[in-house]
Amino acid sequence: MKLSGFIKRNYLILLIFLVGLFLRTYNLSTFPPGMHGDEVSIGYNAFSFLKTGNDQNGNFLPLAIDQFGDFRPAGYHYLDVPFVALFGLNEFSVRLPSALAGSLSIILIYLLVHELFANKKMALLAGGLLAITPWDINISRATSEGVIATFLVMLGIYLFIKAVKSKTKAYPVFIASVVAFLLSFFFYHAARYFVVLFFPVLLATTYVTAKKKILVAAACFAVILAGLAFFLFAGHGTGRVSEVGLFSIPGGTVHLKQAMDEEGTLNPLINRFYNNKLFYFGRFFITFYSQHLSGDFLFVNNGFPIRYRMHFTGNLYLVTAPFLLLGLAFLLTEGIKSKKYIYLLPVAWLFIAPIPAGLTWEDLPNVQRAGIMIPALTIITAFGFMEVVSLLKGRLRAVVVIICVLFLTQAFLNFYHNYFWRLRIHEPWHRSAAQKELVLNVEGLSKKYPVTMTAQNGNTFTSYLFYTKFDPKTYQKMGSPREKDGLMFNNLTYYNADCPLTADGDTIYSTERDMIFVNKPGCSLPKNAEEITVIRTPDGIPAFNIVKLNKN
C-alpha cells in the first residue's frame, strides 16, 4: 500500500523520469557511434581496477589517472568498476554511469525546484524540460564525468537548502551536503571551481533563513576549501588545468612580450600599465566566457569538442529562448524588489557556471566544461514559462500553452531524429567510429604476422587494450607501455605517420616474411604489397587500409 500510494502521488515525475531514462539509455552501445579516447581510457582503467586494484599504469587507488599526461580525476573510473564487473568491458558498461546520473538529475531538479519555489507544477516542468534537453542527453550518453559532477553539485545545493530550512536534525543534512560537494571534486575539474565560487552566493541567498546556522554553514565552506586544496595538491589536480588554462594559450606570453617590446623606451611602469597579464588574459577570459552565454552556442550550434556536434541542433530548444530571458527578468525582479533572495540563486548559478570554461582556451565554447549550466538554464526557463502563463487569462493562456507545446514537440522530434538516425553517419570520424572493427581485424592478423599501424585517425593504443580486453596484470608486468611514436607491443608497432608503408608503385621492398601494415587511405604502395581490407566509418568513408607486404 505504501508503494502504491507513493506511485499515485508521484506518477507524473516518475513518468517523466522514465522518459528521460529511455532517452539516455536507449541503444546506448551504438549511439553515439564509436568510443573516443577518453571513453576507452575510463573503461580500461575501470577494468584494471577490477582485476588488479591498480590503474593501467600500475598505481594503487590513485586520485587522478595519467592517461595522456592530463591527470583526470579518477572518480568515474572507480564508479564504473561495478558496471564493468556486471556487464563486462564494453560500450554499454562504460557509458551507463553517466546515463544514470543524467536520468537521476531529473528527479533531483524536481526536488530542488520544489524546495526553492514551493510550486509542484513548476518542478514538474523543470523535470520535463531536463528530460528532453538535447545538451543533457548528448553528454549523458557519452561517458561524461561532468554529468556525474553536476548531479553531485545539485545534490549538495538541494541538501544545503533543506538543512537551512530544517527545524530539526539539520546537522546531518549539512554534512551530507558537504560530502556531495566534495565528491563532485573527485569527478570533474570544473565542479571544483564552480562550488568554491558558488558557495558564498548560496550562503548569502539563504542567510535570512540561516542566521542561527551561519557558523555551521561557514564551517561547511571551510571544509570545502580544504577539500579543494587537497584535490589540487595531493591528487595532481592542476595537470589538465595547466594544459588548457588561459596562461598556457598558444603564443599567449609571446604576444604579450611582443606588445611590451613595441613600447620601446616608454617608462617601464607605464609600459606595464598598458601591457600586463591581468588585462591581456582578462580579454581572453571575457571572450571565452561570453561564448558560453551566446545564443549561437545555446540555441543554434552545439559547441565543442566537435564529436558532440549534431547537425542543425542546438544545445537547447529555440522555442525556450523567450522564457529563459523572461525567467531571468522575473527572478531578478522578484529577488531584489520582493527581497526573496533565494530567487537569485539560479541567476547566480547561470553566470558563475561558465567561469571554469572561460578560464580555458581549447575547444570553445565547450559543452562538457560548461555542462554545470544546464540545471540553472532549466530552472530559469521553467520559472519564466510559469510566470508568463500566470499572467495570461482564459483562452489566450490555452492558446499560448498549445502553441508552445506544438513547437517544443516539433523541436524534440527533430532532435530525436538527428541523434538516433542521422548521427550514426554524420561525420563519425570525429568519434573514432572505425576503431573497433580495426582492432578486431588487427588482433587476428597479429597472431600470424607482425603488424605496423598508423596512430592517426583516432587509432590509439588504449583502444587496442579496451577492445581486446587485454589482461591488466600482464600489461602492468610489461611496464604499462605508453602511447608514443614507434611503440612496440607484442607483435604491434605504432607510428604517427599516415602511411607506415609507402613507396612508388614500381618499388619492391625486400622482406623475409609477410608483414601487415595499417595505413590511412590514399597511401601509395610498393609492388609487392596488396590491400586486403578497407575499414570504413558508418557513413561508408574509408578510415584505414589494411595492407599485406609479401615476402620475396
Protein backbone atom coordinates (compact mmCIF):
# COMPACT_ATOMS: atom_id res chain seq x y z
CA MET A 1 0.00 0.00 0.00
CA LYS A 2 2.81 2.41 0.83
CA LEU A 3 4.47 1.82 -2.54
CA SER A 4 1.22 2.19 -4.47
CA GLY A 5 0.45 5.39 -2.57
CA PHE A 6 3.88 6.79 -3.38
CA ILE A 7 3.45 5.98 -7.07
CA LYS A 8 -0.04 7.52 -7.12
CA ARG A 9 1.23 10.76 -5.57
CA ASN A 10 4.30 11.00 -7.79
CA TYR A 11 3.29 9.27 -11.01
CA LEU A 12 3.93 12.33 -13.19
CA ILE A 13 7.55 12.85 -12.16
CA LEU A 14 8.12 9.08 -12.30
CA LEU A 15 6.75 9.04 -15.85
CA ILE A 16 9.00 11.98 -16.77
CA PHE A 17 11.95 10.16 -15.23
CA LEU A 18 11.23 7.04 -17.29
CA VAL A 19 11.10 9.12 -20.47
CA GLY A 20 14.44 10.72 -19.58
CA LEU A 21 15.92 7.33 -18.69
CA PHE A 22 14.85 5.93 -22.05
CA LEU A 23 16.39 8.86 -23.93
CA ARG A 24 19.68 8.39 -22.08
CA THR A 25 19.95 4.59 -22.25
CA TYR A 26 18.20 3.51 -25.47
CA ASN A 27 20.72 1.80 -27.76
CA LEU A 28 23.49 3.20 -25.56
CA SER A 29 26.19 0.98 -27.04
CA THR A 30 25.52 2.30 -30.54
CA PHE A 31 24.73 5.99 -30.03
CA PRO A 32 26.93 7.92 -30.13
CA PRO A 33 28.80 5.75 -32.68
CA GLY A 34 32.37 4.90 -31.76
CA MET A 35 34.26 5.30 -28.49
CA HIS A 36 36.59 8.28 -28.27
CA GLY A 37 39.88 8.15 -26.38
CA ASP A 38 38.55 9.36 -23.03
CA GLU A 39 35.85 6.70 -23.01
CA VAL A 40 38.14 3.76 -23.73
CA SER A 41 40.62 5.08 -21.17
CA ILE A 42 37.95 5.21 -18.46
CA GLY A 43 36.71 1.75 -19.38
CA TYR A 44 40.11 0.09 -19.43
CA ASN A 45 41.17 1.71 -16.16
CA ALA A 46 37.94 0.52 -14.52
CA PHE A 47 38.73 -2.95 -15.87
CA SER A 48 42.25 -2.64 -14.45
CA PHE A 49 40.93 -1.60 -11.02
CA LEU A 50 38.57 -4.57 -11.07
CA LYS A 51 41.31 -7.06 -11.91
CA THR A 52 44.31 -5.62 -10.02
CA GLY A 53 43.33 -2.74 -7.74
CA ASN A 54 45.70 -0.55 -9.77
CA ASP A 55 45.10 1.79 -12.68
CA GLN A 56 46.58 0.78 -16.03
CA ASN A 57 49.85 2.49 -15.08
CA GLY A 58 50.21 0.28 -12.00
CA ASN A 59 49.28 2.98 -9.45
CA PHE A 60 47.31 1.72 -6.46
CA LEU A 61 43.98 3.56 -6.00
CA PRO A 62 45.15 6.96 -7.31
CA LEU A 63 43.13 10.18 -7.05
CA ALA A 64 43.90 11.03 -10.69
CA ILE A 65 44.62 8.97 -13.79
CA ASP A 66 47.54 9.89 -16.02
CA GLN A 67 46.45 8.63 -19.41
CA PHE A 68 47.54 11.37 -21.80
CA GLY A 69 49.60 13.44 -19.36
CA ASP A 70 46.39 15.15 -18.19
CA PHE A 71 45.76 13.57 -14.74
CA ARG A 72 41.99 13.25 -14.99
CA PRO A 73 40.04 12.94 -11.69
CA ALA A 74 39.62 9.24 -11.01
CA GLY A 75 36.02 9.26 -9.76
CA TYR A 76 34.35 7.94 -12.90
CA HIS A 77 36.96 5.19 -13.26
CA TYR A 78 36.10 3.86 -9.79
CA LEU A 79 32.34 4.30 -10.23
CA ASP A 80 32.49 2.30 -13.44
CA VAL A 81 34.06 -0.76 -11.77
CA PRO A 82 30.79 -2.46 -10.66
CA PHE A 83 29.24 -1.80 -14.08
CA VAL A 84 32.21 -3.41 -15.84
CA ALA A 85 32.01 -6.32 -13.38
CA LEU A 86 28.30 -6.75 -14.10
CA PHE A 87 28.13 -6.16 -17.86
CA GLY A 88 31.71 -6.77 -18.99
CA LEU A 89 34.11 -4.33 -20.62
CA ASN A 90 32.10 -2.75 -23.43
CA GLU A 91 30.48 0.48 -24.59
CA PHE A 92 27.33 -0.04 -22.51
CA SER A 93 29.08 -0.61 -19.18
CA VAL A 94 31.33 2.42 -19.65
CA ARG A 95 28.55 4.82 -20.61
CA LEU A 96 25.88 3.62 -18.18
CA PRO A 97 27.03 5.52 -15.03
CA SER A 98 26.83 8.84 -16.84
CA ALA A 99 23.47 7.97 -18.40
CA LEU A 100 22.03 7.03 -14.99
CA ALA A 101 23.37 10.20 -13.36
CA GLY A 102 21.78 12.29 -16.10
CA SER A 103 18.49 10.46 -15.59
CA LEU A 104 18.54 10.83 -11.80
CA SER A 105 19.18 14.55 -12.25
CA ILE A 106 15.59 14.78 -13.49
CA ILE A 107 14.30 13.69 -10.08
CA LEU A 108 16.79 15.95 -8.35
CA ILE A 109 15.88 19.09 -10.29
CA TYR A 110 12.22 18.39 -9.50
CA LEU A 111 13.03 18.26 -5.79
CA LEU A 112 15.28 21.32 -5.97
CA VAL A 113 12.73 23.50 -7.78
CA HIS A 114 10.01 22.39 -5.38
CA GLU A 115 12.28 23.32 -2.47
CA LEU A 116 13.14 26.72 -3.97
CA PHE A 117 9.70 27.87 -5.09
CA ALA A 118 7.18 25.50 -3.42
CA ASN A 119 5.49 25.06 -6.80
CA LYS A 120 4.84 21.48 -7.89
CA LYS A 121 3.79 22.40 -11.44
CA MET A 122 6.98 24.37 -11.95
CA ALA A 123 9.01 21.50 -10.51
CA LEU A 124 7.34 19.06 -12.92
CA LEU A 125 8.00 21.41 -15.83
CA ALA A 126 11.68 21.69 -14.88
CA GLY A 127 11.95 17.91 -14.69
CA GLY A 128 10.22 17.54 -18.04
CA LEU A 129 12.45 20.11 -19.73
CA LEU A 130 15.61 18.49 -18.39
CA ALA A 131 14.39 15.06 -19.51
CA ILE A 132 14.30 16.15 -23.17
CA THR A 133 17.10 18.75 -23.23
CA PRO A 134 19.49 17.92 -26.13
CA TRP A 135 22.57 19.15 -24.26
CA ASP A 136 21.98 16.94 -21.25
CA ILE A 137 21.03 13.89 -23.32
CA ASN A 138 24.05 14.36 -25.57
CA ILE A 139 26.68 14.41 -22.83
CA SER A 140 24.87 11.95 -20.55
CA ARG A 141 25.26 9.27 -23.24
CA ALA A 142 28.97 9.94 -23.79
CA THR A 143 30.78 8.82 -20.61
CA SER A 144 30.73 12.32 -19.11
CA GLU A 145 32.41 12.90 -15.76
CA GLY A 146 30.80 16.34 -15.85
CA VAL A 147 27.28 14.91 -15.75
CA ILE A 148 28.05 13.00 -12.55
CA ALA A 149 29.78 16.03 -11.03
CA THR A 150 26.76 18.21 -11.89
CA PHE A 151 24.42 15.69 -10.27
CA LEU A 152 26.51 15.80 -7.09
CA VAL A 153 26.63 19.61 -7.11
CA MET A 154 22.84 19.73 -7.49
CA LEU A 155 22.52 17.25 -4.64
CA GLY A 156 24.80 19.39 -2.48
CA ILE A 157 22.74 22.52 -3.19
CA TYR A 158 19.45 20.75 -2.54
CA LEU A 159 20.65 19.25 0.76
CA PHE A 160 22.13 22.56 1.89
CA ILE A 161 18.83 24.37 1.33
CA LYS A 162 16.99 21.53 3.10
CA ALA A 163 19.37 21.85 6.05
CA VAL A 164 18.90 25.62 6.20
CA LYS A 165 15.12 25.27 6.27
CA SER A 166 15.08 22.29 8.62
CA LYS A 167 13.99 22.97 12.18
CA THR A 168 15.37 19.69 13.49
CA LYS A 169 18.25 17.38 12.62
CA ALA A 170 19.86 19.93 10.31
CA TYR A 171 23.47 18.97 11.07
CA PRO A 172 23.44 15.53 9.39
CA VAL A 173 21.94 17.15 6.29
CA PHE A 174 24.66 19.83 6.29
CA ILE A 175 27.25 17.05 6.47
CA ALA A 176 25.59 15.17 3.60
CA SER A 177 25.61 18.38 1.57
CA VAL A 178 29.34 18.90 2.09
CA VAL A 179 30.03 15.25 1.22
CA ALA A 180 28.14 15.68 -2.07
CA PHE A 181 30.12 18.81 -2.93
CA LEU A 182 33.42 17.13 -2.09
CA LEU A 183 32.54 14.04 -4.12
CA SER A 184 31.96 16.26 -7.15
CA PHE A 185 35.65 17.31 -6.88
CA PHE A 186 36.56 13.67 -7.42
CA PHE A 187 34.88 13.62 -10.83
CA TYR A 188 35.49 16.84 -12.73
CA HIS A 189 37.79 19.85 -12.55
CA ALA A 190 35.11 22.43 -13.41
CA ALA A 191 32.99 21.39 -10.42
CA ARG A 192 35.81 22.28 -8.04
CA TYR A 193 35.98 25.89 -9.14
CA PHE A 194 32.23 26.29 -9.52
CA VAL A 195 31.48 25.08 -5.99
CA VAL A 196 34.06 27.37 -4.40
CA LEU A 197 32.71 30.38 -6.32
CA PHE A 198 29.05 29.49 -5.89
CA PHE A 199 29.00 28.51 -2.22
CA PRO A 200 29.33 32.10 -0.90
CA VAL A 201 26.29 33.00 -3.02
CA LEU A 202 24.46 30.03 -1.55
CA LEU A 203 25.31 31.34 1.92
CA ALA A 204 24.23 34.88 1.06
CA THR A 205 20.89 33.96 -0.52
CA THR A 206 19.93 31.71 2.39
CA TYR A 207 21.31 33.97 5.14
CA VAL A 208 17.92 35.34 6.22
CA THR A 209 16.70 31.80 6.87
CA ALA A 210 20.02 30.51 8.20
CA LYS A 211 21.07 33.24 10.64
CA LYS A 212 21.17 30.79 13.55
CA LYS A 213 23.09 28.27 11.47
CA ILE A 214 25.58 30.64 9.89
CA LEU A 215 28.55 29.25 11.81
CA VAL A 216 27.74 25.73 10.68
CA ALA A 217 27.30 26.93 7.11
CA ALA A 218 30.61 28.80 7.26
CA ALA A 219 32.29 25.67 8.63
CA CYS A 220 30.91 23.79 5.62
CA PHE A 221 32.62 26.30 3.33
CA ALA A 222 35.90 25.90 5.21
CA VAL A 223 35.74 22.12 4.73
CA ILE A 224 35.02 22.61 1.03
CA LEU A 225 38.05 24.90 0.66
CA ALA A 226 40.20 22.33 2.44
CA GLY A 227 38.85 19.65 0.12
CA LEU A 228 39.72 21.75 -2.91
CA ALA A 229 43.27 22.23 -1.65
CA PHE A 230 43.60 18.51 -1.05
CA PHE A 231 42.46 17.55 -4.55
CA LEU A 232 44.58 20.23 -6.20
CA PHE A 233 47.84 19.41 -4.46
CA ALA A 234 47.51 15.78 -3.38
CA GLY A 235 45.79 14.48 -6.49
CA HIS A 236 47.67 16.13 -9.38
CA GLY A 237 44.68 18.48 -9.61
CA THR A 238 46.45 21.05 -11.76
CA GLY A 239 47.53 18.62 -14.50
CA ARG A 240 44.74 19.15 -17.02
CA VAL A 241 44.24 22.77 -15.93
CA SER A 242 47.86 23.63 -16.71
CA GLU A 243 47.39 22.19 -20.22
CA VAL A 244 44.27 24.09 -21.26
CA GLY A 245 44.29 27.06 -18.85
CA LEU A 246 44.44 30.64 -20.11
CA PHE A 247 48.10 31.08 -19.21
CA SER A 248 49.02 28.17 -21.47
CA ILE A 249 47.22 29.56 -24.51
CA PRO A 250 49.46 29.05 -27.56
CA GLY A 251 51.59 32.13 -28.16
CA GLY A 252 49.98 33.98 -25.27
CA THR A 253 53.03 35.17 -23.35
CA VAL A 254 54.95 35.65 -26.60
CA HIS A 255 52.38 38.14 -27.86
CA LEU A 256 52.35 39.95 -24.51
CA LYS A 257 56.14 40.28 -24.60
CA GLN A 258 55.94 41.50 -28.19
CA ALA A 259 53.48 44.21 -27.15
CA MET A 260 55.79 45.31 -24.34
CA ASP A 261 58.81 45.37 -26.66
CA GLU A 262 56.92 47.53 -29.14
CA GLU A 263 56.63 50.27 -26.50
CA GLY A 264 60.34 50.95 -26.98
CA THR A 265 61.80 53.35 -24.40
CA LEU A 266 58.49 54.02 -22.65
CA ASN A 267 58.76 54.15 -18.86
CA PRO A 268 58.58 50.53 -17.59
CA LEU A 269 55.79 51.34 -15.13
CA ILE A 270 53.67 52.93 -17.85
CA ASN A 271 54.50 50.03 -20.16
CA ARG A 272 53.32 47.60 -17.51
CA PHE A 273 50.13 49.63 -17.04
CA TYR A 274 49.18 49.19 -20.68
CA ASN A 275 50.60 45.70 -21.15
CA ASN A 276 50.03 43.34 -18.23
CA LYS A 277 48.74 39.83 -17.71
CA LEU A 278 45.55 40.95 -15.98
CA PHE A 279 44.29 42.98 -18.93
CA TYR A 280 45.84 40.77 -21.60
CA PHE A 281 44.49 37.45 -20.37
CA GLY A 282 41.39 39.16 -18.98
CA ARG A 283 40.32 39.97 -22.54
CA PHE A 284 40.68 36.32 -23.45
CA PHE A 285 38.61 35.32 -20.43
CA ILE A 286 35.77 37.72 -21.25
CA THR A 287 35.70 36.46 -24.84
CA PHE A 288 35.75 32.78 -23.88
CA TYR A 289 33.29 33.23 -21.01
CA SER A 290 30.76 35.15 -23.10
CA GLN A 291 30.80 32.48 -25.82
CA HIS A 292 29.06 30.12 -23.39
CA LEU A 293 26.19 32.57 -22.90
CA SER A 294 25.72 33.32 -26.59
CA GLY A 295 22.56 32.47 -28.47
CA ASP A 296 24.62 30.67 -31.08
CA PHE A 297 26.05 28.23 -28.52
CA LEU A 298 22.82 27.72 -26.61
CA PHE A 299 20.27 27.52 -29.42
CA VAL A 300 21.97 27.10 -32.81
CA ASN A 301 25.23 25.12 -32.69
CA ASN A 302 26.40 22.50 -30.23
CA GLY A 303 29.82 23.92 -29.46
CA PHE A 304 32.89 21.76 -28.97
CA PRO A 305 34.53 19.22 -28.83
CA ILE A 306 33.35 18.57 -32.35
CA ARG A 307 32.49 14.94 -31.57
CA TYR A 308 29.42 16.22 -29.65
CA ARG A 309 28.05 18.19 -32.58
CA MET A 310 24.66 17.28 -34.03
CA HIS A 311 23.58 18.64 -37.40
CA PHE A 312 21.18 21.62 -37.15
CA THR A 313 20.55 21.06 -33.45
CA GLY A 314 21.31 23.48 -30.63
CA ASN A 315 22.08 22.62 -27.04
CA LEU A 316 18.65 23.94 -26.06
CA TYR A 317 15.40 24.25 -27.99
CA LEU A 318 14.95 27.65 -29.65
CA VAL A 319 11.31 27.79 -28.52
CA THR A 320 12.53 28.03 -24.90
CA ALA A 321 14.67 31.15 -25.54
CA PRO A 322 11.95 33.75 -24.74
CA PHE A 323 11.11 32.01 -21.48
CA LEU A 324 14.78 31.87 -20.49
CA LEU A 325 15.11 35.63 -20.96
CA LEU A 326 11.80 36.36 -19.24
CA GLY A 327 12.68 33.98 -16.44
CA LEU A 328 15.89 35.91 -15.80
CA ALA A 329 13.93 39.16 -15.65
CA PHE A 330 11.23 37.75 -13.36
CA LEU A 331 13.74 36.16 -10.97
CA LEU A 332 15.80 39.34 -10.71
CA THR A 333 12.66 41.43 -10.11
CA GLU A 334 11.23 39.08 -7.50
CA GLY A 335 14.57 38.54 -5.84
CA ILE A 336 15.52 42.19 -5.50
CA LYS A 337 12.22 44.06 -5.16
CA SER A 338 10.45 41.49 -3.02
CA LYS A 339 13.65 40.57 -1.15
CA LYS A 340 13.19 36.91 -2.00
CA TYR A 341 16.93 36.44 -2.25
CA ILE A 342 16.67 32.70 -2.78
CA TYR A 343 15.20 33.58 -6.21
CA LEU A 344 18.58 34.99 -7.18
CA LEU A 345 20.24 31.61 -6.71
CA PRO A 346 19.52 30.22 -10.22
CA VAL A 347 20.65 33.53 -11.77
CA ALA A 348 23.96 33.44 -9.91
CA TRP A 349 24.30 29.76 -10.81
CA LEU A 350 23.90 30.57 -14.51
CA PHE A 351 26.52 33.33 -14.56
CA ILE A 352 29.06 31.55 -12.35
CA ALA A 353 28.84 28.20 -14.16
CA PRO A 354 30.72 29.28 -17.35
CA ILE A 355 33.67 30.72 -15.40
CA PRO A 356 35.69 27.46 -15.30
CA ALA A 357 35.16 27.02 -19.05
CA GLY A 358 36.08 30.67 -19.65
CA LEU A 359 39.42 30.08 -17.93
CA THR A 360 40.42 27.60 -20.66
CA TRP A 361 41.28 28.06 -24.33
CA GLU A 362 40.80 24.67 -26.01
CA ASP A 363 37.59 23.55 -27.79
CA LEU A 364 35.42 26.58 -27.05
CA PRO A 365 32.59 27.02 -26.33
CA ASN A 366 32.80 23.69 -24.52
CA VAL A 367 29.73 21.55 -23.81
CA GLN A 368 31.49 19.49 -21.14
CA ARG A 369 33.15 22.22 -19.08
CA ALA A 370 30.02 24.38 -19.18
CA GLY A 371 27.62 21.49 -18.55
CA ILE A 372 27.01 22.67 -15.00
CA MET A 373 24.96 25.50 -16.57
CA ILE A 374 22.23 23.07 -17.62
CA PRO A 375 20.25 22.90 -14.33
CA ALA A 376 20.28 26.70 -13.99
CA LEU A 377 19.09 27.18 -17.57
CA THR A 378 16.33 24.64 -16.97
CA ILE A 379 15.15 26.22 -13.71
CA ILE A 380 15.12 29.74 -15.15
CA THR A 381 13.22 28.62 -18.25
CA ALA A 382 10.61 26.77 -16.19
CA PHE A 383 10.18 29.81 -13.94
CA GLY A 384 9.78 32.10 -16.94
CA PHE A 385 7.15 29.90 -18.56
CA MET A 386 5.10 29.54 -15.38
CA GLU A 387 5.20 33.30 -14.76
CA VAL A 388 4.06 34.05 -18.31
CA VAL A 389 1.22 31.54 -18.06
CA SER A 390 0.13 33.00 -14.71
CA LEU A 391 -0.15 36.46 -16.31
CA LEU A 392 -2.40 35.22 -19.12
CA LYS A 393 -6.10 34.57 -18.74
CA GLY A 394 -8.71 32.33 -20.28
CA ARG A 395 -8.47 31.38 -23.95
CA LEU A 396 -5.23 33.30 -24.53
CA ARG A 397 -3.47 31.19 -21.90
CA ALA A 398 -4.66 27.98 -23.53
CA VAL A 399 -3.59 29.18 -26.99
CA VAL A 400 -0.09 30.14 -25.79
CA VAL A 401 0.37 26.81 -23.98
CA ILE A 402 -0.80 24.80 -27.00
CA ILE A 403 1.47 26.73 -29.39
CA CYS A 404 4.47 26.24 -27.08
CA VAL A 405 3.75 22.52 -26.72
CA LEU A 406 3.48 22.12 -30.50
CA PHE A 407 6.73 23.97 -31.18
CA LEU A 408 8.52 22.07 -28.40
CA THR A 409 7.22 18.75 -29.74
CA GLN A 410 8.46 19.57 -33.24
CA ALA A 411 11.86 20.62 -31.88
CA PHE A 412 12.15 17.46 -29.78
CA LEU A 413 11.23 15.18 -32.70
CA ASN A 414 13.81 16.96 -34.84
CA PHE A 415 16.46 16.37 -32.18
CA TYR A 416 15.40 12.74 -31.75
CA HIS A 417 15.65 12.14 -35.49
CA ASN A 418 19.03 13.87 -35.76
CA TYR A 419 20.50 11.99 -32.81
CA PHE A 420 19.15 8.48 -33.24
CA TRP A 421 19.18 8.40 -37.03
CA ARG A 422 21.48 10.94 -38.66
CA LEU A 423 24.24 10.95 -36.03
CA ARG A 424 25.38 7.46 -36.98
CA ILE A 425 26.56 8.76 -40.37
CA HIS A 426 27.18 12.44 -39.59
CA GLU A 427 30.97 12.88 -39.56
CA PRO A 428 31.56 9.72 -37.47
CA TRP A 429 35.32 10.00 -37.91
CA HIS A 430 35.33 12.54 -35.07
CA ARG A 431 34.27 9.74 -32.70
CA SER A 432 36.74 7.02 -33.76
CA ALA A 433 33.81 5.07 -35.20
CA ALA A 434 36.03 2.69 -37.21
CA GLN A 435 38.30 1.83 -34.30
CA LYS A 436 36.55 -1.28 -33.00
CA GLU A 437 36.46 -3.00 -36.39
CA LEU A 438 40.12 -2.15 -36.97
CA VAL A 439 41.25 -3.56 -33.63
CA LEU A 440 39.31 -6.80 -34.07
CA ASN A 441 40.78 -7.27 -37.55
CA VAL A 442 44.32 -6.49 -36.45
CA GLU A 443 44.06 -8.70 -33.37
CA GLY A 444 43.52 -11.75 -35.56
CA LEU A 445 46.24 -10.81 -38.05
CA SER A 446 48.82 -10.07 -35.35
CA LYS A 447 48.78 -13.74 -34.34
CA LYS A 448 50.24 -14.63 -37.75
CA TYR A 449 52.16 -11.55 -38.88
CA PRO A 450 54.00 -8.56 -37.42
CA VAL A 451 51.72 -5.52 -37.70
CA THR A 452 52.77 -1.89 -38.11
CA MET A 453 49.94 0.64 -37.71
CA THR A 454 49.33 4.33 -38.17
CA ALA A 455 48.48 6.13 -34.94
CA GLN A 456 46.35 8.65 -36.87
CA ASN A 457 42.55 8.85 -37.28
CA GLY A 458 41.99 8.15 -33.59
CA ASN A 459 43.84 4.82 -33.66
CA THR A 460 45.01 4.83 -30.04
CA PHE A 461 46.86 2.11 -28.22
CA THR A 462 44.34 2.30 -25.36
CA SER A 463 41.61 1.37 -27.85
CA TYR A 464 43.52 -1.83 -28.57
CA LEU A 465 43.69 -2.64 -24.86
CA PHE A 466 39.98 -1.88 -24.45
CA TYR A 467 38.55 -3.82 -27.39
CA THR A 468 40.81 -6.85 -26.89
CA LYS A 469 40.20 -6.79 -23.11
CA PHE A 470 43.94 -7.19 -22.67
CA ASP A 471 44.79 -8.61 -19.24
CA PRO A 472 45.74 -5.68 -16.96
CA LYS A 473 48.06 -7.85 -14.85
CA THR A 474 50.06 -8.82 -17.91
CA TYR A 475 50.04 -5.24 -19.17
CA GLN A 476 51.40 -3.89 -15.88
CA LYS A 477 54.07 -6.60 -15.73
CA MET A 478 55.21 -5.34 -19.13
CA GLY A 479 55.77 -1.91 -17.59
CA SER A 480 52.49 -0.33 -18.75
CA PRO A 481 53.77 0.85 -22.16
CA ARG A 482 52.57 4.36 -23.04
CA GLU A 483 51.36 5.84 -26.30
CA LYS A 484 54.35 7.09 -28.28
CA ASP A 485 55.73 7.07 -31.79
CA GLY A 486 57.31 3.71 -32.50
CA LEU A 487 55.58 1.98 -29.59
CA MET A 488 56.17 -1.77 -29.83
CA PHE A 489 53.71 -4.04 -28.05
CA ASN A 490 53.63 -7.79 -28.58
CA ASN A 491 53.51 -8.09 -32.36
CA LEU A 492 52.31 -4.49 -32.93
CA THR A 493 54.17 -1.29 -33.73
CA TYR A 494 52.50 2.15 -33.76
CA TYR A 495 53.74 5.08 -35.87
CA ASN A 496 52.38 8.63 -36.04
CA ALA A 497 52.88 8.66 -39.82
CA ASP A 498 49.78 8.46 -42.02
CA CYS A 499 51.47 5.82 -44.18
CA PRO A 500 53.75 3.40 -42.29
CA LEU A 501 54.11 1.57 -45.61
CA THR A 502 54.53 3.74 -48.68
CA ALA A 503 56.60 3.63 -51.85
CA ASP A 504 56.46 4.17 -55.57
CA GLY A 505 54.34 1.56 -57.32
CA ASP A 506 57.36 0.08 -59.14
CA THR A 507 59.36 -0.39 -55.93
CA ILE A 508 59.75 -3.85 -54.45
CA TYR A 509 60.51 -3.98 -50.74
CA SER A 510 62.75 -6.82 -49.63
CA THR A 511 61.33 -8.74 -46.68
CA GLU A 512 61.99 -12.22 -45.33
CA ARG A 513 58.42 -12.73 -44.16
CA ASP A 514 54.93 -11.45 -44.84
CA MET A 515 54.04 -8.32 -42.86
CA ILE A 516 50.85 -6.34 -42.20
CA PHE A 517 50.61 -2.55 -42.34
CA VAL A 518 47.70 -0.27 -41.47
CA ASN A 519 47.68 2.97 -43.45
CA LYS A 520 45.36 5.90 -43.78
CA PRO A 521 43.61 5.92 -47.17
CA GLY A 522 45.48 7.30 -50.17
CA CYS A 523 48.95 5.89 -49.49
CA SER A 524 50.93 4.66 -52.50
CA LEU A 525 52.17 1.09 -52.10
CA PRO A 526 55.20 -0.91 -53.27
CA LYS A 527 54.75 -3.50 -55.99
CA ASN A 528 54.83 -6.48 -53.62
CA ALA A 529 52.05 -5.13 -51.37
CA GLU A 530 48.35 -5.88 -51.61
CA GLU A 531 45.36 -4.28 -49.93
CA ILE A 532 43.43 -6.94 -48.04
CA THR A 533 40.80 -4.96 -46.09
CA VAL A 534 39.35 -1.45 -46.06
CA ILE A 535 37.97 -0.35 -42.69
CA ARG A 536 35.18 2.17 -43.15
CA THR A 537 33.30 4.55 -40.87
CA PRO A 538 29.50 4.07 -40.66
CA ASP A 539 28.97 6.59 -43.48
CA GLY A 540 30.99 4.38 -45.83
CA ILE A 541 34.10 6.56 -45.98
CA PRO A 542 37.42 4.64 -45.80
CA ALA A 543 39.23 5.20 -42.50
CA PHE A 544 42.05 2.63 -42.63
CA ASN A 545 43.58 0.36 -45.26
CA ILE A 546 45.00 -2.96 -44.06
CA VAL A 547 47.84 -3.91 -46.39
CA LYS A 548 49.91 -7.09 -46.66
CA LEU A 549 53.55 -6.79 -47.70
CA ASN A 550 54.51 -10.10 -49.30
CA LYS A 551 57.92 -11.66 -48.75
CA ASN A 552 60.25 -12.06 -51.72
